[in-house]
Amino acid sequence: MKKLLRPQDVLLLVLSGGVDAFSEFVNLPLASGFKNLYDWVPPRYRKSNYYQVVSHSLKVGYIEKVIKKRKTYLRLTPGGKERIKREFSLSLWQERKWDKKWRIVIFDIAEENRNIRDGLREKLKELGFGMLQKSVWISPYDFILDFREFMKSLGLGKNVFALESSSLLADDYKKLAERVWGLNQLNSQYKKLFQLLKNLYDRGETSKEKLREIKSRYLEILREDPCLPRELLPDDWFQDKVEIILKKFK
């Protein structure tokens, strides 16, 4: 079962600026930022709940207040960045330049250790790896260090191998990425959101509730997005179009 998107997830993700649609919030003063940030919180949550989340995030150290030129800003702390890395780890990687290397994980875990094997697969998914074959997973991002620590904690050193390669034997990396991560299906979800937003914009509708529902859905899709390097995405990638049109609803 997928985890519900919580107000704290939204708050930290938006303040991270890891997605282009949120870049404006990184340097937004607290007074105006409070209201605009709430527009991204799922509709099922009341504003009072959102304020409690901000207060709690300050208390536990996920965010902090910073004073600049007599204005107060909210800023993500290192602890907040670690939380985002766990919940939306890949969204922070997409804008980084790809080093053209592939990380490959190969494992052989017996059926009687199915729980360990399933936990390993979940960890690989969490880190954005895609299944190339049944026990072979790949990623364009350098999560090997994190993965090795996970292997060490479970004592899997003899059953799991992590490799790095400058190439894979594939004629077309985009086709490979589509097959491994199911990008066409993901892109169709972004396309539906884009069409909803475009219809609202063309009709001049400014319903905040409708926009909040769409924004909430966008974040839920983003959570499932492997956020691959641009070089591996389809040419007509609708996430870009969703972000462009969202900015028109300021």
C-alpha atoms as a PDB file:
ATOM      1  CA  MET A   1       0.000   0.000   0.000  1.00  0.00           C
ATOM      2  CA  LYS A   2       1.327   3.416  -0.937  1.00  0.00           C
ATOM      3  CA  LYS A   3       1.969   5.846   1.878  1.00  0.00           C
ATOM      4  CA  LEU A   4      -0.301   8.862   2.063  1.00  0.00           C
ATOM      5  CA  LEU A   5       1.293  12.177   1.273  1.00  0.00           C
ATOM      6  CA  ARG A   6       1.555  14.116   4.531  1.00  0.00           C
ATOM      7  CA  PRO A   7       1.782  17.894   5.090  1.00  0.00           C
ATOM      8  CA  GLN A   8       5.318  17.489   6.441  1.00  0.00           C
ATOM      9  CA  ASP A   9       6.390  15.694   3.259  1.00  0.00           C
ATOM     10  CA  VAL A  10       5.053  18.600   1.219  1.00  0.00           C
ATOM     11  CA  LEU A  11       6.631  21.252   3.432  1.00  0.00           C
ATOM     12  CA  LEU A  12      10.108  19.731   3.276  1.00  0.00           C
ATOM     13  CA  LEU A  13       9.965  18.865  -0.411  1.00  0.00           C
ATOM     14  CA  VAL A  14       8.856  22.355  -1.395  1.00  0.00           C
ATOM     15  CA  LEU A  15      11.530  24.014   0.760  1.00  0.00           C
ATOM     16  CA  SER A  16      14.177  21.746  -0.769  1.00  0.00           C
ATOM     17  CA  GLY A  17      13.740  23.441  -4.144  1.00  0.00           C
ATOM     18  CA  GLY A  18      14.629  20.076  -5.665  1.00  0.00           C
ATOM     19  CA  VAL A  19      11.830  20.386  -8.211  1.00  0.00           C
ATOM     20  CA  ASP A  20      11.691  23.357 -10.555  1.00  0.00           C
ATOM     21  CA  ALA A  21       8.091  24.177  -9.641  1.00  0.00           C
ATOM     22  CA  PHE A  22       9.233  24.831  -6.043  1.00  0.00           C
ATOM     23  CA  SER A  23      12.333  26.909  -6.738  1.00  0.00           C
ATOM     24  CA  GLU A  24      10.546  30.153  -5.888  1.00  0.00           C
ATOM     25  CA  PHE A  25       9.843  28.988  -2.326  1.00  0.00           C
ATOM     26  CA  VAL A  26      13.485  28.616  -1.351  1.00  0.00           C
ATOM     27  CA  ASN A  27      13.896  32.367  -0.892  1.00  0.00           C
ATOM     28  CA  LEU A  28      10.287  33.309  -0.112  1.00  0.00           C
ATOM     29  CA  PRO A  29       9.740  35.381   3.073  1.00  0.00           C
ATOM     30  CA  LEU A  30       7.798  33.594   5.813  1.00  0.00           C
ATOM     31  CA  ALA A  31       4.784  35.927   5.697  1.00  0.00           C
ATOM     32  CA  SER A  32       3.940  35.307   2.041  1.00  0.00           C
ATOM     33  CA  GLY A  33       5.488  31.847   1.914  1.00  0.00           C
ATOM     34  CA  PHE A  34       3.200  30.439   4.605  1.00  0.00           C
ATOM     35  CA  LYS A  35       0.090  30.989   2.518  1.00  0.00           C
ATOM     36  CA  ASN A  36       1.600  29.800  -0.754  1.00  0.00           C
ATOM     37  CA  LEU A  37       3.079  26.679   0.801  1.00  0.00           C
ATOM     38  CA  TYR A  38      -0.340  25.693   2.140  1.00  0.00           C
ATOM     39  CA  ASP A  39      -1.678  25.598  -1.427  1.00  0.00           C
ATOM     40  CA  TRP A  40       0.421  22.446  -1.950  1.00  0.00           C
ATOM     41  CA  VAL A  41      -0.904  20.597   1.110  1.00  0.00           C
ATOM     42  CA  PRO A  42      -3.418  17.818   0.256  1.00  0.00           C
ATOM     43  CA  PRO A  43      -7.045  19.074   0.538  1.00  0.00           C
ATOM     44  CA  ARG A  44      -7.903  16.575   3.295  1.00  0.00           C
ATOM     45  CA  TYR A  45      -5.727  18.508   5.743  1.00  0.00           C
ATOM     46  CA  ARG A  46      -6.994  21.642   7.488  1.00  0.00           C
ATOM     47  CA  LYS A  47      -4.935  24.805   7.732  1.00  0.00           C
ATOM     48  CA  SER A  48      -4.660  24.426  11.519  1.00  0.00           C
ATOM     49  CA  ASN A  49      -3.060  21.023  10.980  1.00  0.00           C
ATOM     50  CA  TYR A  50      -0.591  22.592   8.561  1.00  0.00           C
ATOM     51  CA  TYR A  51       0.449  25.226  11.097  1.00  0.00           C
ATOM     52  CA  GLN A  52       1.041  22.477  13.661  1.00  0.00           C
ATOM     53  CA  VAL A  53       3.250  20.663  11.150  1.00  0.00           C
ATOM     54  CA  VAL A  54       5.359  23.779  10.583  1.00  0.00           C
ATOM     55  CA  SER A  55       5.696  24.259  14.346  1.00  0.00           C
ATOM     56  CA  HIS A  56       6.648  20.603  14.847  1.00  0.00           C
ATOM     57  CA  SER A  57       9.173  20.708  11.987  1.00  0.00           C
ATOM     58  CA  LEU A  58      10.846  23.706  13.629  1.00  0.00           C
ATOM     59  CA  LYS A  59      10.891  21.939  16.998  1.00  0.00           C
ATOM     60  CA  VAL A  60      12.461  18.691  15.741  1.00  0.00           C
ATOM     61  CA  GLY A  61      14.959  20.552  13.575  1.00  0.00           C
ATOM     62  CA  TYR A  62      13.814  19.738  10.044  1.00  0.00           C
ATOM     63  CA  ILE A  63      13.503  23.450   9.248  1.00  0.00           C
ATOM     64  CA  GLU A  64      14.759  26.664  10.795  1.00  0.00           C
ATOM     65  CA  LYS A  65      14.028  30.373  10.719  1.00  0.00           C
ATOM     66  CA  VAL A  66      16.585  32.683   9.192  1.00  0.00           C
ATOM     67  CA  ILE A  67      16.546  36.494   9.407  1.00  0.00           C
ATOM     68  CA  LYS A  68      17.744  38.402   6.334  1.00  0.00           C
ATOM     69  CA  LYS A  69      17.318  42.147   5.965  1.00  0.00           C
ATOM     70  CA  ARG A  70      14.677  42.151   8.718  1.00  0.00           C
ATOM     71  CA  LYS A  71      12.620  39.475   6.980  1.00  0.00           C
ATOM     72  CA  THR A  72      12.087  35.952   8.269  1.00  0.00           C
ATOM     73  CA  TYR A  73      12.597  32.964   5.991  1.00  0.00           C
ATOM     74  CA  LEU A  74      12.129  29.235   6.449  1.00  0.00           C
ATOM     75  CA  ARG A  75      15.109  27.090   5.495  1.00  0.00           C
ATOM     76  CA  LEU A  76      15.668  23.350   5.306  1.00  0.00           C
ATOM     77  CA  THR A  77      18.246  22.024   7.785  1.00  0.00           C
ATOM     78  CA  PRO A  78      20.621  19.087   7.166  1.00  0.00           C
ATOM     79  CA  GLY A  79      18.169  16.942   9.150  1.00  0.00           C
ATOM     80  CA  GLY A  80      15.351  18.062   6.860  1.00  0.00           C
ATOM     81  CA  LYS A  81      17.420  17.218   3.793  1.00  0.00           C
ATOM     82  CA  GLU A  82      17.995  13.709   5.149  1.00  0.00           C
ATOM     83  CA  ARG A  83      14.255  13.311   5.666  1.00  0.00           C
ATOM     84  CA  ILE A  84      13.605  14.395   2.069  1.00  0.00           C
ATOM     85  CA  LYS A  85      16.276  11.994   0.854  1.00  0.00           C
ATOM     86  CA  ARG A  86      14.318   9.167   2.464  1.00  0.00           C
ATOM     87  CA  GLU A  87      10.889  10.246   1.211  1.00  0.00           C
ATOM     88  CA  PHE A  88      11.661  11.878  -2.153  1.00  0.00           C
ATOM     89  CA  SER A  89      15.323  11.009  -2.596  1.00  0.00           C
ATOM     90  CA  LEU A  90      15.372  11.012  -6.376  1.00  0.00           C
ATOM     91  CA  SER A  91      13.763  14.392  -6.943  1.00  0.00           C
ATOM     92  CA  LEU A  92      16.953  15.991  -5.662  1.00  0.00           C
ATOM     93  CA  TRP A  93      19.104  14.224  -8.243  1.00  0.00           C
ATOM     94  CA  GLN A  94      17.425  14.934 -11.554  1.00  0.00           C
ATOM     95  CA  GLU A  95      18.968  18.350 -12.115  1.00  0.00           C
ATOM     96  CA  ARG A  96      22.472  17.078 -11.400  1.00  0.00           C
ATOM     97  CA  LYS A  97      24.679  16.343 -14.387  1.00  0.00           C
ATOM     98  CA  TRP A  98      24.772  12.643 -15.162  1.00  0.00           C
ATOM     99  CA  ASP A  99      28.262  11.170 -15.050  1.00  0.00           C
ATOM    100  CA  LYS A 100      27.265   8.648 -17.787  1.00  0.00           C
ATOM    101  CA  LYS A 101      27.913   5.728 -15.466  1.00  0.00           C
ATOM    102  CA  TRP A 102      25.589   2.903 -14.484  1.00  0.00           C
ATOM    103  CA  ARG A 103      25.368   1.247 -11.085  1.00  0.00           C
ATOM    104  CA  ILE A 104      24.510  -2.445 -11.245  1.00  0.00           C
ATOM    105  CA  VAL A 105      23.378  -4.631  -8.355  1.00  0.00           C
ATOM    106  CA  ILE A 106      23.356  -8.427  -8.741  1.00  0.00           C
ATOM    107  CA  PHE A 107      22.139 -10.762  -6.019  1.00  0.00           C
ATOM    108  CA  ASP A 108      21.466 -14.428  -5.361  1.00  0.00           C
ATOM    109  CA  ILE A 109      19.347 -14.998  -2.255  1.00  0.00           C
ATOM    110  CA  ALA A 110      17.734 -18.360  -1.558  1.00  0.00           C
ATOM    111  CA  GLU A 111      13.953 -18.840  -1.341  1.00  0.00           C
ATOM    112  CA  GLU A 112      14.108 -19.616   2.389  1.00  0.00           C
ATOM    113  CA  ASN A 113      15.394 -16.046   2.891  1.00  0.00           C
ATOM    114  CA  ARG A 114      12.489 -14.520   0.994  1.00  0.00           C
ATOM    115  CA  ASN A 115      11.922 -11.762   3.586  1.00  0.00           C
ATOM    116  CA  ILE A 116      15.506 -10.575   3.217  1.00  0.00           C
ATOM    117  CA  ARG A 117      15.229 -10.745  -0.572  1.00  0.00           C
ATOM    118  CA  ASP A 118      11.981  -8.747  -0.559  1.00  0.00           C
ATOM    119  CA  GLY A 119      13.536  -6.164   1.763  1.00  0.00           C
ATOM    120  CA  LEU A 120      16.492  -5.865  -0.596  1.00  0.00           C
ATOM    121  CA  ARG A 121      14.190  -5.235  -3.550  1.00  0.00           C
ATOM    122  CA  GLU A 122      12.277  -2.576  -1.618  1.00  0.00           C
ATOM    123  CA  LYS A 123      15.543  -0.839  -0.755  1.00  0.00           C
ATOM    124  CA  LEU A 124      16.575  -0.899  -4.421  1.00  0.00           C
ATOM    125  CA  LYS A 125      13.231   0.626  -5.425  1.00  0.00           C
ATOM    126  CA  GLU A 126      13.603   3.265  -2.728  1.00  0.00           C
ATOM    127  CA  LEU A 127      16.980   4.230  -4.194  1.00  0.00           C
ATOM    128  CA  GLY A 128      15.510   4.397  -7.694  1.00  0.00           C
ATOM    129  CA  PHE A 129      17.013   1.231  -9.116  1.00  0.00           C
ATOM    130  CA  GLY A 130      15.054  -0.462 -11.886  1.00  0.00           C
ATOM    131  CA  MET A 131      14.881  -4.200 -12.515  1.00  0.00           C
ATOM    132  CA  LEU A 132      16.790  -5.130 -15.663  1.00  0.00           C
ATOM    133  CA  GLN A 133      16.325  -8.845 -14.992  1.00  0.00           C
ATOM    134  CA  LYS A 134      14.973 -10.801 -12.041  1.00  0.00           C
ATOM    135  CA  SER A 135      18.090 -10.421  -9.873  1.00  0.00           C
ATOM    136  CA  VAL A 136      19.848  -7.625 -11.764  1.00  0.00           C
ATOM    137  CA  TRP A 137      18.977  -3.995 -10.979  1.00  0.00           C
ATOM    138  CA  ILE A 138      20.431  -0.812 -12.468  1.00  0.00           C
ATOM    139  CA  SER A 139      20.557   2.918 -11.718  1.00  0.00           C
ATOM    140  CA  PRO A 140      22.242   5.933 -13.335  1.00  0.00           C
ATOM    141  CA  TYR A 141      22.781   7.507  -9.901  1.00  0.00           C
ATOM    142  CA  ASP A 142      25.570   6.909  -7.410  1.00  0.00           C
ATOM    143  CA  PHE A 143      23.739   5.387  -4.445  1.00  0.00           C
ATOM    144  CA  ILE A 144      26.293   2.610  -4.076  1.00  0.00           C
ATOM    145  CA  LEU A 145      27.640   3.906  -0.747  1.00  0.00           C
ATOM    146  CA  ASP A 146      24.156   4.025   0.790  1.00  0.00           C
ATOM    147  CA  PHE A 147      23.420   0.598  -0.622  1.00  0.00           C
ATOM    148  CA  ARG A 148      26.641  -0.922   0.703  1.00  0.00           C
ATOM    149  CA  GLU A 149      25.792   0.300   4.207  1.00  0.00           C
ATOM    150  CA  PHE A 150      22.391  -1.343   3.873  1.00  0.00           C
ATOM    151  CA  MET A 151      24.007  -4.623   2.726  1.00  0.00           C
ATOM    152  CA  LYS A 152      26.434  -4.518   5.630  1.00  0.00           C
ATOM    153  CA  SER A 153      23.617  -4.025   8.138  1.00  0.00           C
ATOM    154  CA  LEU A 154      21.931  -7.213   6.858  1.00  0.00           C
ATOM    155  CA  GLY A 155      25.131  -9.204   6.387  1.00  0.00           C
ATOM    156  CA  LEU A 156      24.569  -9.652   2.649  1.00  0.00           C
ATOM    157  CA  GLY A 157      28.141  -9.154   1.490  1.00  0.00           C
ATOM    158  CA  LYS A 158      28.487 -12.691   0.144  1.00  0.00           C
ATOM    159  CA  ASN A 159      25.168 -12.704  -1.712  1.00  0.00           C
ATOM    160  CA  VAL A 160      25.002  -9.250  -3.281  1.00  0.00           C
ATOM    161  CA  PHE A 161      27.416  -7.544  -5.667  1.00  0.00           C
ATOM    162  CA  ALA A 162      27.421  -3.836  -6.544  1.00  0.00           C
ATOM    163  CA  LEU A 163      29.241  -2.786  -9.706  1.00  0.00           C
ATOM    164  CA  GLU A 164      29.870   0.409 -11.639  1.00  0.00           C
ATOM    165  CA  SER A 165      30.144   0.563 -15.428  1.00  0.00           C
ATOM    166  CA  SER A 166      30.646   3.313 -17.980  1.00  0.00           C
ATOM    167  CA  SER A 167      28.345   1.548 -20.457  1.00  0.00           C
ATOM    168  CA  LEU A 168      25.613  -1.021 -20.873  1.00  0.00           C
ATOM    169  CA  LEU A 169      25.141  -3.204 -23.931  1.00  0.00           C
ATOM    170  CA  ALA A 170      22.047  -1.402 -25.201  1.00  0.00           C
ATOM    171  CA  ASP A 171      21.476   0.238 -28.585  1.00  0.00           C
ATOM    172  CA  ASP A 172      19.160   2.926 -27.207  1.00  0.00           C
ATOM    173  CA  TYR A 173      19.352   4.036 -23.576  1.00  0.00           C
ATOM    174  CA  LYS A 174      15.972   5.785 -23.780  1.00  0.00           C
ATOM    175  CA  LYS A 175      14.256   2.584 -24.860  1.00  0.00           C
ATOM    176  CA  LEU A 176      16.104   0.721 -22.126  1.00  0.00           C
ATOM    177  CA  ALA A 177      14.950   3.246 -19.513  1.00  0.00           C
ATOM    178  CA  GLU A 178      11.357   3.027 -20.720  1.00  0.00           C
ATOM    179  CA  ARG A 179      11.380  -0.765 -20.400  1.00  0.00           C
ATOM    180  CA  VAL A 180      13.097  -0.874 -17.013  1.00  0.00           C
ATOM    181  CA  TRP A 181      11.178   1.957 -15.296  1.00  0.00           C
ATOM    182  CA  GLY A 182       7.892   1.966 -17.252  1.00  0.00           C
ATOM    183  CA  LEU A 183       8.266   5.612 -18.263  1.00  0.00           C
ATOM    184  CA  ASN A 184       5.419   5.576 -20.809  1.00  0.00           C
ATOM    185  CA  GLN A 185       2.871   4.774 -18.122  1.00  0.00           C
ATOM    186  CA  LEU A 186       4.323   7.423 -15.829  1.00  0.00           C
ATOM    187  CA  ASN A 187       4.338   9.955 -18.652  1.00  0.00           C
ATOM    188  CA  SER A 188       0.656   9.263 -19.365  1.00  0.00           C
ATOM    189  CA  GLN A 189      -0.151  10.189 -15.750  1.00  0.00           C
ATOM    190  CA  TYR A 190       1.728  13.467 -16.120  1.00  0.00           C
ATOM    191  CA  LYS A 191      -0.077  14.071 -19.421  1.00  0.00           C
ATOM    192  CA  LYS A 192      -3.501  13.686 -17.768  1.00  0.00           C
ATOM    193  CA  LEU A 193      -2.504  16.232 -15.125  1.00  0.00           C
ATOM    194  CA  PHE A 194      -1.277  18.616 -17.791  1.00  0.00           C
ATOM    195  CA  GLN A 195      -4.555  18.355 -19.673  1.00  0.00           C
ATOM    196  CA  LEU A 196      -6.537  19.042 -16.488  1.00  0.00           C
ATOM    197  CA  LEU A 197      -4.419  22.103 -15.737  1.00  0.00           C
ATOM    198  CA  LYS A 198      -4.603  23.363 -19.309  1.00  0.00           C
ATOM    199  CA  ASN A 199      -8.395  23.076 -19.318  1.00  0.00           C
ATOM    200  CA  LEU A 200      -8.605  25.058 -16.076  1.00  0.00           C
ATOM    201  CA  TYR A 201      -6.219  27.690 -17.383  1.00  0.00           C
ATOM    202  CA  ASP A 202      -7.937  28.034 -20.764  1.00  0.00           C
ATOM    203  CA  ARG A 203     -11.328  28.476 -19.051  1.00  0.00           C
ATOM    204  CA  GLY A 204      -9.876  30.986 -16.618  1.00  0.00           C
ATOM    205  CA  GLU A 205     -10.848  28.898 -13.599  1.00  0.00           C
ATOM    206  CA  THR A 206      -9.015  29.697 -10.379  1.00  0.00           C
ATOM    207  CA  SER A 207     -10.645  27.233  -7.986  1.00  0.00           C
ATOM    208  CA  LYS A 208      -8.096  26.709  -5.212  1.00  0.00           C
ATOM    209  CA  GLU A 209      -9.653  23.403  -4.207  1.00  0.00           C
ATOM    210  CA  LYS A 210      -9.328  21.971  -7.709  1.00  0.00           C
ATOM    211  CA  LEU A 211      -5.757  23.213  -7.939  1.00  0.00           C
ATOM    212  CA  ARG A 212      -4.877  21.709  -4.566  1.00  0.00           C
ATOM    213  CA  GLU A 213      -6.269  18.354  -5.653  1.00  0.00           C
ATOM    214  CA  ILE A 214      -4.195  18.450  -8.836  1.00  0.00           C
ATOM    215  CA  LYS A 215      -1.074  19.577  -6.973  1.00  0.00           C
ATOM    216  CA  SER A 216      -1.550  16.792  -4.453  1.00  0.00           C
ATOM    217  CA  ARG A 217      -1.843  14.257  -7.255  1.00  0.00           C
ATOM    218  CA  TYR A 218       1.285  15.692  -8.873  1.00  0.00           C
ATOM    219  CA  LEU A 219       3.299  15.122  -5.695  1.00  0.00           C
ATOM    220  CA  GLU A 220       1.976  11.571  -5.396  1.00  0.00           C
ATOM    221  CA  ILE A 221       3.135  10.818  -8.949  1.00  0.00           C
ATOM    222  CA  LEU A 222       6.450  12.493  -8.241  1.00  0.00           C
ATOM    223  CA  ARG A 223       6.992  10.125  -5.345  1.00  0.00           C
ATOM    224  CA  GLU A 224       6.808   7.205  -7.798  1.00  0.00           C
ATOM    225  CA  ASP A 225       8.996   8.942 -10.398  1.00  0.00           C
ATOM    226  CA  PRO A 226      12.578   7.574 -10.621  1.00  0.00           C
ATOM    227  CA  CYS A 227      13.613  11.113 -11.688  1.00  0.00           C
ATOM    228  CA  LEU A 228      16.066   9.859 -14.277  1.00  0.00           C
ATOM    229  CA  PRO A 229      18.628  12.108 -15.985  1.00  0.00           C
ATOM    230  CA  ARG A 230      17.226  14.135 -18.861  1.00  0.00           C
ATOM    231  CA  GLU A 231      19.204  12.065 -21.340  1.00  0.00           C
ATOM    232  CA  LEU A 232      17.105   8.997 -20.458  1.00  0.00           C
ATOM    233  CA  LEU A 233      13.650  10.580 -20.556  1.00  0.00           C
ATOM    234  CA  PRO A 234      11.229  10.505 -23.517  1.00  0.00           C
ATOM    235  CA  ASP A 235      11.487  13.536 -25.809  1.00  0.00           C
ATOM    236  CA  ASP A 236       7.906  14.560 -24.989  1.00  0.00           C
ATOM    237  CA  TRP A 237       8.160  14.393 -21.191  1.00  0.00           C
ATOM    238  CA  PHE A 238       4.993  15.869 -19.662  1.00  0.00           C
ATOM    239  CA  GLN A 239       6.377  16.535 -16.202  1.00  0.00           C
ATOM    240  CA  ASP A 240       8.149  19.551 -17.699  1.00  0.00           C
ATOM    241  CA  LYS A 241       4.852  20.803 -19.145  1.00  0.00           C
ATOM    242  CA  VAL A 242       3.051  20.294 -15.835  1.00  0.00           C
ATOM    243  CA  GLU A 243       5.623  22.441 -14.038  1.00  0.00           C
ATOM    244  CA  ILE A 244       5.455  25.177 -16.668  1.00  0.00           C
ATOM    245  CA  ILE A 245       1.690  25.501 -16.513  1.00  0.00           C
ATOM    246  CA  LEU A 246       1.612  25.286 -12.702  1.00  0.00           C
ATOM    247  CA  LYS A 247       3.699  28.457 -12.581  1.00  0.00           C
ATOM    248  CA  LYS A 248       0.981  30.258 -14.551  1.00  0.00           C
ATOM    249  CA  PHE A 249      -1.452  29.777 -11.660  1.00  0.00           C
ATOM    250  CA  LYS A 250       0.481  31.960  -9.209  1.00  0.00           C
END
